[in-house]
Protein backbone atom coordinates (compact mmCIF):
# COMPACT_ATOMS: atom_id res chain seq x y z
CA MET A 1 -19.08 -14.29 -9.72
CA GLY A 2 -15.54 -14.52 -11.04
CA THR A 3 -12.29 -14.53 -9.40
CA LYS A 4 -10.89 -11.45 -8.20
CA ARG A 5 -7.62 -9.99 -6.43
CA VAL A 6 -6.78 -7.08 -4.04
CA TYR A 7 -4.14 -5.13 -2.86
CA PHE A 8 -4.86 -3.76 0.83
CA LEU A 9 -3.41 -1.34 3.15
CA ALA A 10 -4.41 -1.09 6.53
CA HIS A 11 -4.17 2.06 8.58
CA GLY A 12 -4.27 2.82 12.62
CA ARG A 13 -3.44 0.49 15.33
CA VAL A 14 -2.85 -2.99 13.36
CA GLN A 15 0.22 -3.96 14.59
CA GLY A 16 1.20 -5.98 17.48
CA VAL A 17 -2.80 -6.80 17.99
CA PHE A 18 -2.72 -9.95 15.81
CA TYR A 19 -4.31 -8.54 12.87
CA ARG A 20 -1.77 -10.53 10.52
CA LYS A 21 -2.79 -13.59 12.20
CA PHE A 22 -6.44 -12.54 12.07
CA THR A 23 -6.24 -11.80 8.29
CA ALA A 24 -4.38 -14.94 7.42
CA ASN A 25 -7.15 -16.70 9.74
CA ARG A 26 -9.97 -15.47 7.83
CA ALA A 27 -8.33 -15.42 4.42
CA GLN A 28 -7.87 -19.34 5.13
CA GLU A 29 -11.60 -19.69 6.40
CA LEU A 30 -12.76 -18.03 2.92
CA ASN A 31 -10.73 -20.05 0.91
CA LEU A 32 -8.67 -17.28 -0.41
CA THR A 33 -5.05 -16.97 -1.54
CA GLY A 34 -2.56 -14.31 -1.16
CA TRP A 35 -0.07 -13.11 1.68
CA VAL A 36 -0.42 -10.31 4.56
CA ARG A 37 2.61 -8.44 6.34
CA ASN A 38 3.65 -5.61 8.90
CA ARG A 39 5.27 -2.21 7.04
CA SER A 40 7.97 -0.17 8.96
CA ASP A 41 5.31 2.63 8.65
CA GLU A 42 3.30 0.15 11.30
CA LYS A 43 0.60 -0.24 8.54
CA VAL A 44 -0.20 -3.76 7.42
CA GLU A 45 -0.66 -3.91 3.38
CA GLY A 46 -1.42 -7.60 1.83
CA GLU A 47 -3.12 -9.34 -1.32
CA ALA A 48 -5.88 -11.24 -1.34
CA GLN A 49 -7.66 -13.69 -4.38
CA GLY A 50 -10.54 -15.79 -4.83
CA ASP A 51 -14.18 -15.50 -5.32
CA GLU A 52 -15.37 -12.06 -5.31
CA THR A 53 -18.03 -12.52 -2.51
CA SER A 54 -15.15 -13.79 -0.56
CA VAL A 55 -12.58 -11.04 -1.23
CA ALA A 56 -15.57 -8.85 -0.35
CA GLN A 57 -16.11 -10.43 2.88
CA LEU A 58 -12.41 -10.46 4.26
CA MET A 59 -12.17 -6.48 3.16
CA LYS A 60 -15.09 -6.35 5.53
CA ASP A 61 -13.62 -8.08 8.25
CA LEU A 62 -10.36 -6.10 7.98
CA LYS A 63 -12.32 -2.88 8.57
CA LYS A 64 -13.20 -4.45 11.55
CA GLY A 65 -9.96 -6.47 12.73
CA PRO A 66 -9.49 -8.29 15.53
CA THR A 67 -10.29 -7.19 19.19
CA HIS A 68 -7.60 -4.88 20.19
CA ALA A 69 -7.03 -3.41 16.69
CA LEU A 70 -8.46 0.09 15.71
CA VAL A 71 -8.42 0.40 11.80
CA SER A 72 -9.02 4.05 10.72
CA LYS A 73 -8.67 3.29 7.04
CA LEU A 74 -8.53 0.48 4.85
CA ASP A 75 -7.51 1.34 1.17
CA VAL A 76 -8.27 -1.33 -1.41
CA GLU A 77 -6.96 -1.30 -4.70
CA ASP A 78 -7.81 -4.19 -7.50
CA ARG A 79 -4.74 -6.12 -9.01
CA GLU A 80 -4.02 -8.76 -11.68
CA LEU A 81 -4.54 -12.35 -10.65
CA VAL A 82 -1.71 -14.68 -9.50
CA ASP A 83 -1.80 -17.91 -11.53
CA GLY A 84 -0.20 -20.98 -9.45
CA GLU A 85 -0.84 -19.36 -5.96
CA SER A 86 -2.04 -21.85 -3.25
CA LYS A 87 -1.91 -20.68 0.24
CA PHE A 88 -2.34 -17.53 2.03
CA GLU A 89 0.62 -16.67 4.16
CA VAL A 90 2.25 -14.16 6.56
CA ARG A 91 5.23 -12.93 5.56
CA ARG A 92 7.75 -10.87 7.72
CA GLY A 93 8.25 -7.40 6.51
């Protein structure tokens, strides 16, 4: 398995329900790098990079989200790898 990077966009009730914190915690547990942030249109977006299996697991987890989230749709697109990234961070929109 190789390294992969994806962009994700979560739709539904994903703001104000700890979705970004959930995403960052799961990404860190899976040893992924990248970022996550709220958008002004009430969606949450981000990018995740790492082992293909771990990225796939994170996307599976993000489709469900934390307890109080209601994810209606998760868009996922492949992206170019980013060199030198060392952590997964929560960004402010």
